[in-house]
Amino acid sequence: MNQIKLADASLGFKNFLKEKGHSTSTIVAYGKDIEQLVDFLNDLQKHHVRDITKEDLEAFLAKMNKDGYTPKSISRKINSTRTFYRFLKINEYITDDPSLLVAHPKYELAPPRILTPTEYRALRDAARNDARMSAIIELLLQTGIRIGELTALKLSDIRKDQIHIPALEKHEERVVPLNKRAQEALKRYLDVRPKVTEDHLFVTKSGRPFLIRNIRTSVERYFRLAEIKNAKVNDLRHTFVAHHLKHGASIVLLSKMLGHKRLSTTERYLQYVPQRAPESQVLSEL
């Protein structure tokens, strides 16, 4: 059996996640979870992976619970730990996996936040004088693409009535139609977009790519201006799905547009759409 210290294993784990093609957000989240675990174990004077027991892992999770972490967050830390132990086992640093003996806490998933027509119209009105943010909001709302996919869009990905979504991390490439409202918002933005060599669709005034954290902050600022409570950027994607399901859009079509790997991921939104029109291949505007 190979020997490795916890601190070195934590660093190797991040490289393992990158090699496996995990998303940047997953790598960051899992990496921080394992760093927390390693710090806790170091306080217990346990510095080698072979020294860790099921009781040590349960003590770590108990501390997380005491520190106010939600059952959902603790469940994710268990997933992080199990993935960490998978890495350890693949590299023959361990033979037994105590993480498999640790049970997930029970919790219920919160329903997705779906904006009402009044809310997303208010959001649209709040951003109407900002061509870049109007285009961003319309693209997220009218196509349901992920914020990471939007950030990665290049000028060459924009066609007359559709956008090409390149493969990103573990998500496959696809083509998503653009309705009239999204096309018009994009045209208004492109008319005032800085004339720079940068090929990213959304750029700052200085011509640099408009980063995810900046887009997230800007959208949330307009949520506040529109007086929309408890809303996040990803709720625009939830709203897109719920709106089209309500109006009878084909679940298979929506699943492909959203880039869902499993149809069941799209189907779970049906419980939040009490009345659904007959299924259709035609999409409506929000």
C-alpha atoms as a PDB file:
ATOM      1  CA  MET A   1       0.000   0.000   0.000  1.00  0.00           C
ATOM      2  CA  ASN A   2       1.334   3.438  -0.959  1.00  0.00           C
ATOM      3  CA  GLN A   3       1.939   5.977   1.808  1.00  0.00           C
ATOM      4  CA  ILE A   4       0.718   9.585   1.672  1.00  0.00           C
ATOM      5  CA  LYS A   5       0.047  12.375   4.142  1.00  0.00           C
ATOM      6  CA  LEU A   6      -3.386  13.973   4.299  1.00  0.00           C
ATOM      7  CA  ALA A   7      -2.124  17.374   3.150  1.00  0.00           C
ATOM      8  CA  ASP A   8      -0.486  15.846   0.057  1.00  0.00           C
ATOM      9  CA  ALA A   9      -3.548  13.723  -0.641  1.00  0.00           C
ATOM     10  CA  SER A  10      -5.724  16.860  -0.567  1.00  0.00           C
ATOM     11  CA  LEU A  11      -3.574  18.481  -3.268  1.00  0.00           C
ATOM     12  CA  GLY A  12      -3.560  15.325  -5.376  1.00  0.00           C
ATOM     13  CA  PHE A  13      -7.338  15.083  -5.060  1.00  0.00           C
ATOM     14  CA  LYS A  14      -7.854  18.435  -6.841  1.00  0.00           C
ATOM     15  CA  ASN A  15      -5.731  17.265  -9.766  1.00  0.00           C
ATOM     16  CA  PHE A  16      -7.721  14.029  -9.820  1.00  0.00           C
ATOM     17  CA  LEU A  17     -10.982  16.008 -10.160  1.00  0.00           C
ATOM     18  CA  LYS A  18      -9.550  18.071 -13.021  1.00  0.00           C
ATOM     19  CA  GLU A  19      -8.405  14.946 -14.856  1.00  0.00           C
ATOM     20  CA  LYS A  20     -11.900  13.462 -14.458  1.00  0.00           C
ATOM     21  CA  GLY A  21     -13.415  16.523 -16.140  1.00  0.00           C
ATOM     22  CA  HIS A  22     -15.388  17.853 -13.188  1.00  0.00           C
ATOM     23  CA  SER A  23     -16.705  21.402 -13.430  1.00  0.00           C
ATOM     24  CA  THR A  24     -14.726  24.265 -11.922  1.00  0.00           C
ATOM     25  CA  SER A  25     -17.438  24.853  -9.328  1.00  0.00           C
ATOM     26  CA  THR A  26     -17.353  21.176  -8.279  1.00  0.00           C
ATOM     27  CA  ILE A  27     -13.558  21.220  -7.996  1.00  0.00           C
ATOM     28  CA  VAL A  28     -13.674  24.342  -5.824  1.00  0.00           C
ATOM     29  CA  ALA A  29     -16.523  23.053  -3.622  1.00  0.00           C
ATOM     30  CA  TYR A  30     -15.106  19.540  -3.146  1.00  0.00           C
ATOM     31  CA  GLY A  31     -11.604  20.941  -2.650  1.00  0.00           C
ATOM     32  CA  LYS A  32     -12.784  23.230   0.163  1.00  0.00           C
ATOM     33  CA  ASP A  33     -14.740  20.384   1.771  1.00  0.00           C
ATOM     34  CA  ILE A  34     -11.643  18.179   1.905  1.00  0.00           C
ATOM     35  CA  GLU A  35      -9.486  21.043   3.147  1.00  0.00           C
ATOM     36  CA  GLN A  36     -11.971  21.458   6.028  1.00  0.00           C
ATOM     37  CA  LEU A  37     -11.810  17.733   6.711  1.00  0.00           C
ATOM     38  CA  VAL A  38      -7.993  17.724   6.680  1.00  0.00           C
ATOM     39  CA  ASP A  39      -7.833  20.697   9.074  1.00  0.00           C
ATOM     40  CA  PHE A  40     -10.230  18.941  11.449  1.00  0.00           C
ATOM     41  CA  LEU A  41      -8.224  15.708  11.321  1.00  0.00           C
ATOM     42  CA  ASN A  42      -4.960  17.569  11.895  1.00  0.00           C
ATOM     43  CA  ASP A  43      -6.481  18.985  15.083  1.00  0.00           C
ATOM     44  CA  LEU A  44      -7.027  15.362  16.116  1.00  0.00           C
ATOM     45  CA  GLN A  45      -3.319  14.747  15.418  1.00  0.00           C
ATOM     46  CA  LYS A  46      -4.148  12.481  12.504  1.00  0.00           C
ATOM     47  CA  HIS A  47      -1.935  13.262   9.550  1.00  0.00           C
ATOM     48  CA  HIS A  48      -2.001  10.090   7.421  1.00  0.00           C
ATOM     49  CA  VAL A  49      -4.943   8.729   5.432  1.00  0.00           C
ATOM     50  CA  ARG A  50      -4.486   5.255   6.906  1.00  0.00           C
ATOM     51  CA  ASP A  51      -5.229   6.600  10.402  1.00  0.00           C
ATOM     52  CA  ILE A  52      -8.755   7.870   9.656  1.00  0.00           C
ATOM     53  CA  THR A  53     -11.727   5.951  11.025  1.00  0.00           C
ATOM     54  CA  LYS A  54     -15.468   6.083  10.525  1.00  0.00           C
ATOM     55  CA  GLU A  55     -15.751   7.718  13.964  1.00  0.00           C
ATOM     56  CA  ASP A  56     -13.368  10.503  12.872  1.00  0.00           C
ATOM     57  CA  LEU A  57     -15.516  11.253   9.818  1.00  0.00           C
ATOM     58  CA  GLU A  58     -18.680  11.240  11.909  1.00  0.00           C
ATOM     59  CA  ALA A  59     -17.041  13.605  14.404  1.00  0.00           C
ATOM     60  CA  PHE A  60     -16.205  15.979  11.540  1.00  0.00           C
ATOM     61  CA  LEU A  61     -19.803  15.946  10.309  1.00  0.00           C
ATOM     62  CA  ALA A  62     -21.071  16.471  13.858  1.00  0.00           C
ATOM     63  CA  LYS A  63     -18.877  19.566  14.091  1.00  0.00           C
ATOM     64  CA  MET A  64     -20.270  20.835  10.788  1.00  0.00           C
ATOM     65  CA  ASN A  65     -23.773  20.368  12.162  1.00  0.00           C
ATOM     66  CA  LYS A  66     -22.839  22.203  15.373  1.00  0.00           C
ATOM     67  CA  ASP A  67     -21.339  25.036  13.296  1.00  0.00           C
ATOM     68  CA  GLY A  68     -24.694  25.572  11.590  1.00  0.00           C
ATOM     69  CA  TYR A  69     -24.239  23.787   8.262  1.00  0.00           C
ATOM     70  CA  THR A  70     -27.521  22.622   6.726  1.00  0.00           C
ATOM     71  CA  PRO A  71     -28.262  18.904   6.182  1.00  0.00           C
ATOM     72  CA  LYS A  72     -27.909  19.540   2.433  1.00  0.00           C
ATOM     73  CA  SER A  73     -24.425  21.021   2.893  1.00  0.00           C
ATOM     74  CA  ILE A  74     -23.413  18.151   5.165  1.00  0.00           C
ATOM     75  CA  SER A  75     -24.699  15.661   2.587  1.00  0.00           C
ATOM     76  CA  ARG A  76     -22.504  17.332  -0.031  1.00  0.00           C
ATOM     77  CA  LYS A  77     -19.511  17.032   2.304  1.00  0.00           C
ATOM     78  CA  ILE A  78     -20.191  13.302   2.515  1.00  0.00           C
ATOM     79  CA  ASN A  79     -20.221  13.138  -1.294  1.00  0.00           C
ATOM     80  CA  SER A  80     -16.940  15.072  -1.361  1.00  0.00           C
ATOM     81  CA  THR A  81     -15.428  12.708   1.191  1.00  0.00           C
ATOM     82  CA  ARG A  82     -16.541   9.613  -0.714  1.00  0.00           C
ATOM     83  CA  THR A  83     -15.072  10.989  -3.927  1.00  0.00           C
ATOM     84  CA  PHE A  84     -11.854  11.735  -1.993  1.00  0.00           C
ATOM     85  CA  TYR A  85     -11.747   8.142  -0.775  1.00  0.00           C
ATOM     86  CA  ARG A  86     -12.364   6.878  -4.296  1.00  0.00           C
ATOM     87  CA  PHE A  87      -9.240   8.816  -5.321  1.00  0.00           C
ATOM     88  CA  LEU A  88      -7.317   7.298  -2.399  1.00  0.00           C
ATOM     89  CA  LYS A  89      -8.396   3.784  -3.297  1.00  0.00           C
ATOM     90  CA  ILE A  90      -7.626   4.148  -7.012  1.00  0.00           C
ATOM     91  CA  ASN A  91      -4.099   5.202  -6.074  1.00  0.00           C
ATOM     92  CA  GLU A  92      -3.805   2.362  -3.527  1.00  0.00           C
ATOM     93  CA  TYR A  93      -3.326   4.677  -0.566  1.00  0.00           C
ATOM     94  CA  ILE A  94      -6.018   2.733   1.326  1.00  0.00           C
ATOM     95  CA  THR A  95      -7.696  -0.664   1.184  1.00  0.00           C
ATOM     96  CA  ASP A  96     -10.786   0.086   3.309  1.00  0.00           C
ATOM     97  CA  ASP A  97     -13.168   2.997   2.789  1.00  0.00           C
ATOM     98  CA  PRO A  98     -14.726   4.269   6.053  1.00  0.00           C
ATOM     99  CA  SER A  99     -16.701   6.964   4.195  1.00  0.00           C
ATOM    100  CA  LEU A 100     -19.098   4.276   2.921  1.00  0.00           C
ATOM    101  CA  LEU A 101     -20.150   3.599   6.504  1.00  0.00           C
ATOM    102  CA  VAL A 102     -21.240   7.206   7.094  1.00  0.00           C
ATOM    103  CA  ALA A 103     -24.950   7.865   6.504  1.00  0.00           C
ATOM    104  CA  HIS A 104     -26.363  10.911   4.729  1.00  0.00           C
ATOM    105  CA  PRO A 105     -28.641  13.156   6.817  1.00  0.00           C
ATOM    106  CA  LYS A 106     -32.262  13.283   5.687  1.00  0.00           C
ATOM    107  CA  TYR A 107     -33.489  16.505   4.104  1.00  0.00           C
ATOM    108  CA  GLU A 108     -36.039  17.697   1.582  1.00  0.00           C
ATOM    109  CA  LEU A 109     -35.014  19.568  -1.540  1.00  0.00           C
ATOM    110  CA  ALA A 110     -36.379  23.096  -1.613  1.00  0.00           C
ATOM    111  CA  PRO A 111     -38.639  23.732  -4.615  1.00  0.00           C
ATOM    112  CA  PRO A 112     -37.060  25.821  -7.387  1.00  0.00           C
ATOM    113  CA  ARG A 113     -37.681  29.566  -7.256  1.00  0.00           C
ATOM    114  CA  ILE A 114     -39.845  30.320 -10.298  1.00  0.00           C
ATOM    115  CA  LEU A 115     -40.369  33.968 -11.173  1.00  0.00           C
ATOM    116  CA  THR A 116     -43.905  35.133 -11.832  1.00  0.00           C
ATOM    117  CA  PRO A 117     -44.651  37.029 -15.069  1.00  0.00           C
ATOM    118  CA  THR A 118     -44.901  40.218 -12.991  1.00  0.00           C
ATOM    119  CA  GLU A 119     -41.437  39.576 -11.531  1.00  0.00           C
ATOM    120  CA  TYR A 120     -39.554  38.811 -14.726  1.00  0.00           C
ATOM    121  CA  ARG A 121     -41.207  41.753 -16.477  1.00  0.00           C
ATOM    122  CA  ALA A 122     -40.102  43.985 -13.597  1.00  0.00           C
ATOM    123  CA  LEU A 123     -36.561  42.588 -13.935  1.00  0.00           C
ATOM    124  CA  ARG A 124     -36.618  43.305 -17.648  1.00  0.00           C
ATOM    125  CA  ASP A 125     -37.839  46.870 -17.015  1.00  0.00           C
ATOM    126  CA  ALA A 126     -35.171  47.482 -14.365  1.00  0.00           C
ATOM    127  CA  ALA A 127     -32.395  46.616 -16.851  1.00  0.00           C
ATOM    128  CA  ARG A 128     -33.909  48.208 -19.973  1.00  0.00           C
ATOM    129  CA  ASN A 129     -31.331  51.049 -20.087  1.00  0.00           C
ATOM    130  CA  ASP A 130     -28.380  48.657 -19.822  1.00  0.00           C
ATOM    131  CA  ALA A 131     -28.032  46.953 -23.209  1.00  0.00           C
ATOM    132  CA  ARG A 132     -25.479  44.410 -22.033  1.00  0.00           C
ATOM    133  CA  MET A 133     -27.436  43.322 -18.963  1.00  0.00           C
ATOM    134  CA  SER A 134     -30.712  43.331 -20.903  1.00  0.00           C
ATOM    135  CA  ALA A 135     -29.165  40.925 -23.400  1.00  0.00           C
ATOM    136  CA  ILE A 136     -27.787  38.726 -20.611  1.00  0.00           C
ATOM    137  CA  ILE A 137     -31.126  38.588 -18.800  1.00  0.00           C
ATOM    138  CA  GLU A 138     -33.040  37.831 -22.009  1.00  0.00           C
ATOM    139  CA  LEU A 139     -30.629  35.078 -23.039  1.00  0.00           C
ATOM    140  CA  LEU A 140     -30.837  33.405 -19.630  1.00  0.00           C
ATOM    141  CA  LEU A 141     -34.603  33.793 -19.499  1.00  0.00           C
ATOM    142  CA  GLN A 142     -35.439  32.904 -23.114  1.00  0.00           C
ATOM    143  CA  THR A 143     -32.988  30.016 -23.652  1.00  0.00           C
ATOM    144  CA  GLY A 144     -32.472  28.522 -20.182  1.00  0.00           C
ATOM    145  CA  ILE A 145     -28.705  28.225 -20.680  1.00  0.00           C
ATOM    146  CA  ARG A 146     -26.402  28.018 -17.664  1.00  0.00           C
ATOM    147  CA  ILE A 147     -24.512  31.103 -16.527  1.00  0.00           C
ATOM    148  CA  GLY A 148     -21.203  29.351 -17.205  1.00  0.00           C
ATOM    149  CA  GLU A 149     -22.319  28.589 -20.757  1.00  0.00           C
ATOM    150  CA  LEU A 150     -23.393  32.198 -21.265  1.00  0.00           C
ATOM    151  CA  THR A 151     -20.032  33.474 -20.042  1.00  0.00           C
ATOM    152  CA  ALA A 152     -18.199  31.184 -22.452  1.00  0.00           C
ATOM    153  CA  LEU A 153     -20.160  32.310 -25.533  1.00  0.00           C
ATOM    154  CA  LYS A 154     -18.078  33.728 -28.389  1.00  0.00           C
ATOM    155  CA  LEU A 155     -19.234  36.056 -31.146  1.00  0.00           C
ATOM    156  CA  SER A 156     -18.887  33.133 -33.537  1.00  0.00           C
ATOM    157  CA  ASP A 157     -21.480  31.170 -31.509  1.00  0.00           C
ATOM    158  CA  ILE A 158     -24.239  33.647 -32.392  1.00  0.00           C
ATOM    159  CA  ARG A 159     -26.281  32.855 -35.493  1.00  0.00           C
ATOM    160  CA  LYS A 160     -29.374  34.623 -36.818  1.00  0.00           C
ATOM    161  CA  ASP A 161     -31.983  32.602 -34.939  1.00  0.00           C
ATOM    162  CA  GLN A 162     -29.929  30.264 -32.752  1.00  0.00           C
ATOM    163  CA  ILE A 163     -26.852  30.046 -30.570  1.00  0.00           C
ATOM    164  CA  HIS A 164     -24.214  27.352 -30.488  1.00  0.00           C
ATOM    165  CA  ILE A 165     -23.377  26.217 -26.961  1.00  0.00           C
ATOM    166  CA  PRO A 166     -19.848  24.750 -26.982  1.00  0.00           C
ATOM    167  CA  ALA A 167     -19.009  21.698 -24.886  1.00  0.00           C
ATOM    168  CA  LEU A 168     -18.189  22.966 -21.406  1.00  0.00           C
ATOM    169  CA  GLU A 169     -16.627  20.745 -18.770  1.00  0.00           C
ATOM    170  CA  LYS A 170     -19.005  17.736 -18.606  1.00  0.00           C
ATOM    171  CA  HIS A 171     -21.793  19.326 -20.642  1.00  0.00           C
ATOM    172  CA  GLU A 172     -22.085  18.413 -24.326  1.00  0.00           C
ATOM    173  CA  GLU A 173     -22.346  20.991 -27.090  1.00  0.00           C
ATOM    174  CA  ARG A 174     -25.763  21.817 -28.481  1.00  0.00           C
ATOM    175  CA  VAL A 175     -27.690  24.377 -30.508  1.00  0.00           C
ATOM    176  CA  VAL A 176     -30.453  26.425 -28.873  1.00  0.00           C
ATOM    177  CA  PRO A 177     -33.018  28.487 -30.813  1.00  0.00           C
ATOM    178  CA  LEU A 178     -33.287  32.239 -30.256  1.00  0.00           C
ATOM    179  CA  ASN A 179     -36.767  33.731 -30.209  1.00  0.00           C
ATOM    180  CA  LYS A 180     -37.521  37.240 -31.438  1.00  0.00           C
ATOM    181  CA  ARG A 181     -37.165  38.888 -28.025  1.00  0.00           C
ATOM    182  CA  ALA A 182     -33.721  37.354 -27.457  1.00  0.00           C
ATOM    183  CA  GLN A 183     -32.604  38.265 -30.989  1.00  0.00           C
ATOM    184  CA  GLU A 184     -33.651  41.888 -30.500  1.00  0.00           C
ATOM    185  CA  ALA A 185     -31.897  42.163 -27.132  1.00  0.00           C
ATOM    186  CA  LEU A 186     -28.696  40.714 -28.600  1.00  0.00           C
ATOM    187  CA  LYS A 187     -28.809  43.121 -31.553  1.00  0.00           C
ATOM    188  CA  ARG A 188     -29.164  46.124 -29.224  1.00  0.00           C
ATOM    189  CA  TYR A 189     -26.149  44.963 -27.248  1.00  0.00           C
ATOM    190  CA  LEU A 190     -24.005  44.177 -30.296  1.00  0.00           C
ATOM    191  CA  ASP A 191     -24.691  47.680 -31.637  1.00  0.00           C
ATOM    192  CA  VAL A 192     -22.990  49.196 -28.572  1.00  0.00           C
ATOM    193  CA  ARG A 193     -20.523  46.420 -27.715  1.00  0.00           C
ATOM    194  CA  PRO A 194     -16.935  47.768 -27.419  1.00  0.00           C
ATOM    195  CA  LYS A 195     -15.017  47.354 -30.675  1.00  0.00           C
ATOM    196  CA  VAL A 196     -12.328  45.044 -29.340  1.00  0.00           C
ATOM    197  CA  THR A 197     -10.464  42.001 -30.618  1.00  0.00           C
ATOM    198  CA  GLU A 198     -11.706  39.847 -27.713  1.00  0.00           C
ATOM    199  CA  ASP A 199     -14.005  37.180 -29.157  1.00  0.00           C
ATOM    200  CA  HIS A 200     -16.110  36.641 -26.025  1.00  0.00           C
ATOM    201  CA  LEU A 201     -19.672  37.808 -26.606  1.00  0.00           C
ATOM    202  CA  PHE A 202     -20.011  39.643 -23.313  1.00  0.00           C
ATOM    203  CA  VAL A 203     -17.128  41.927 -22.415  1.00  0.00           C
ATOM    204  CA  THR A 204     -16.400  44.766 -20.017  1.00  0.00           C
ATOM    205  CA  LYS A 205     -15.950  48.385 -21.136  1.00  0.00           C
ATOM    206  CA  SER A 206     -12.203  47.737 -21.293  1.00  0.00           C
ATOM    207  CA  GLY A 207     -12.783  44.759 -23.592  1.00  0.00           C
ATOM    208  CA  ARG A 208     -12.094  41.928 -21.157  1.00  0.00           C
ATOM    209  CA  PRO A 209     -14.403  38.910 -20.785  1.00  0.00           C
ATOM    210  CA  PHE A 210     -17.337  39.560 -18.457  1.00  0.00           C
ATOM    211  CA  LEU A 211     -16.728  36.986 -15.706  1.00  0.00           C
ATOM    212  CA  ILE A 212     -19.301  34.743 -14.018  1.00  0.00           C
ATOM    213  CA  ARG A 213     -18.983  36.448 -10.637  1.00  0.00           C
ATOM    214  CA  ASN A 214     -19.513  39.871 -12.239  1.00  0.00           C
ATOM    215  CA  ILE A 215     -22.555  38.693 -14.184  1.00  0.00           C
ATOM    216  CA  ARG A 216     -24.002  37.092 -11.069  1.00  0.00           C
ATOM    217  CA  THR A 217     -23.461  40.283  -9.059  1.00  0.00           C
ATOM    218  CA  SER A 218     -24.981  42.449 -11.804  1.00  0.00           C
ATOM    219  CA  VAL A 219     -28.092  40.287 -12.235  1.00  0.00           C
ATOM    220  CA  GLU A 220     -28.651  40.191  -8.483  1.00  0.00           C
ATOM    221  CA  ARG A 221     -28.341  43.994  -8.419  1.00  0.00           C
ATOM    222  CA  TYR A 222     -31.208  44.218 -10.905  1.00  0.00           C
ATOM    223  CA  PHE A 223     -33.220  41.756  -8.826  1.00  0.00           C
ATOM    224  CA  ARG A 224     -32.915  44.234  -5.970  1.00  0.00           C
ATOM    225  CA  LEU A 225     -33.808  47.208  -8.188  1.00  0.00           C
ATOM    226  CA  ALA A 226     -36.879  45.313  -9.400  1.00  0.00           C
ATOM    227  CA  GLU A 227     -37.721  44.493  -5.759  1.00  0.00           C
ATOM    228  CA  ILE A 228     -37.674  40.757  -6.438  1.00  0.00           C
ATOM    229  CA  LYS A 229     -36.998  38.895  -3.207  1.00  0.00           C
ATOM    230  CA  ASN A 230     -34.983  35.703  -2.672  1.00  0.00           C
ATOM    231  CA  ALA A 231     -34.028  35.269  -6.329  1.00  0.00           C
ATOM    232  CA  LYS A 232     -30.737  34.090  -7.826  1.00  0.00           C
ATOM    233  CA  VAL A 233     -29.367  33.932 -11.365  1.00  0.00           C
ATOM    234  CA  ASN A 234     -30.175  30.222 -11.740  1.00  0.00           C
ATOM    235  CA  ASP A 235     -33.837  31.006 -11.058  1.00  0.00           C
ATOM    236  CA  LEU A 236     -34.032  32.406 -14.592  1.00  0.00           C
ATOM    237  CA  ARG A 237     -33.280  28.876 -15.831  1.00  0.00           C
ATOM    238  CA  HIS A 238     -35.933  27.441 -13.492  1.00  0.00           C
ATOM    239  CA  THR A 239     -38.410  30.002 -14.797  1.00  0.00           C
ATOM    240  CA  PHE A 240     -37.631  29.095 -18.414  1.00  0.00           C
ATOM    241  CA  VAL A 241     -38.334  25.407 -17.744  1.00  0.00           C
ATOM    242  CA  ALA A 242     -41.534  25.973 -15.767  1.00  0.00           C
ATOM    243  CA  HIS A 243     -42.943  28.488 -18.275  1.00  0.00           C
ATOM    244  CA  HIS A 244     -42.464  26.181 -21.248  1.00  0.00           C
ATOM    245  CA  LEU A 245     -43.748  23.106 -19.474  1.00  0.00           C
ATOM    246  CA  LYS A 246     -46.869  25.044 -18.481  1.00  0.00           C
ATOM    247  CA  HIS A 247     -47.409  26.018 -22.112  1.00  0.00           C
ATOM    248  CA  GLY A 248     -47.061  22.412 -23.297  1.00  0.00           C
ATOM    249  CA  ALA A 249     -43.515  22.353 -24.675  1.00  0.00           C
ATOM    250  CA  SER A 250     -42.222  18.855 -25.397  1.00  0.00           C
ATOM    251  CA  ILE A 251     -40.254  17.511 -22.429  1.00  0.00           C
ATOM    252  CA  VAL A 252     -37.798  15.806 -24.789  1.00  0.00           C
ATOM    253  CA  LEU A 253     -37.236  19.077 -26.679  1.00  0.00           C
ATOM    254  CA  LEU A 254     -36.743  21.028 -23.445  1.00  0.00           C
ATOM    255  CA  SER A 255     -34.342  18.434 -22.069  1.00  0.00           C
ATOM    256  CA  LYS A 256     -32.162  18.746 -25.184  1.00  0.00           C
ATOM    257  CA  MET A 257     -32.242  22.542 -25.067  1.00  0.00           C
ATOM    258  CA  LEU A 258     -31.274  22.580 -21.387  1.00  0.00           C
ATOM    259  CA  GLY A 259     -28.450  20.099 -21.867  1.00  0.00           C
ATOM    260  CA  HIS A 260     -29.872  17.699 -19.275  1.00  0.00           C
ATOM    261  CA  LYS A 261     -28.183  14.300 -19.393  1.00  0.00           C
ATOM    262  CA  ARG A 262     -31.306  12.565 -18.091  1.00  0.00           C
ATOM    263  CA  LEU A 263     -34.911  13.201 -19.067  1.00  0.00           C
ATOM    264  CA  SER A 264     -35.895  12.690 -15.417  1.00  0.00           C
ATOM    265  CA  THR A 265     -34.055  15.918 -14.514  1.00  0.00           C
ATOM    266  CA  THR A 266     -36.481  17.853 -16.712  1.00  0.00           C
ATOM    267  CA  GLU A 267     -39.500  15.781 -15.645  1.00  0.00           C
ATOM    268  CA  ARG A 268     -39.083  16.666 -11.966  1.00  0.00           C
ATOM    269  CA  TYR A 269     -40.191  20.223 -12.781  1.00  0.00           C
ATOM    270  CA  LEU A 270     -43.639  18.869 -13.662  1.00  0.00           C
ATOM    271  CA  GLN A 271     -44.612  18.768  -9.988  1.00  0.00           C
ATOM    272  CA  TYR A 272     -44.305  22.573  -9.923  1.00  0.00           C
ATOM    273  CA  VAL A 273     -46.544  23.024 -12.968  1.00  0.00           C
ATOM    274  CA  PRO A 274     -50.078  22.161 -11.783  1.00  0.00           C
ATOM    275  CA  GLN A 275     -51.786  22.940 -15.100  1.00  0.00           C
ATOM    276  CA  ARG A 276     -50.086  21.963 -18.337  1.00  0.00           C
ATOM    277  CA  ALA A 277     -51.253  22.610 -21.887  1.00  0.00           C
ATOM    278  CA  PRO A 278     -51.229  19.789 -24.484  1.00  0.00           C
ATOM    279  CA  GLU A 279     -47.690  18.902 -25.552  1.00  0.00           C
ATOM    280  CA  SER A 280     -46.282  20.869 -28.470  1.00  0.00           C
ATOM    281  CA  GLN A 281     -42.985  21.362 -30.316  1.00  0.00           C
ATOM    282  CA  VAL A 282     -43.571  25.121 -30.423  1.00  0.00           C
ATOM    283  CA  LEU A 283     -41.912  27.340 -27.800  1.00  0.00           C
ATOM    284  CA  SER A 284     -43.483  30.561 -26.557  1.00  0.00           C
ATOM    285  CA  GLU A 285     -41.772  33.749 -25.441  1.00  0.00           C
ATOM    286  CA  LEU A 286     -41.691  34.824 -21.817  1.00  0.00           C
END
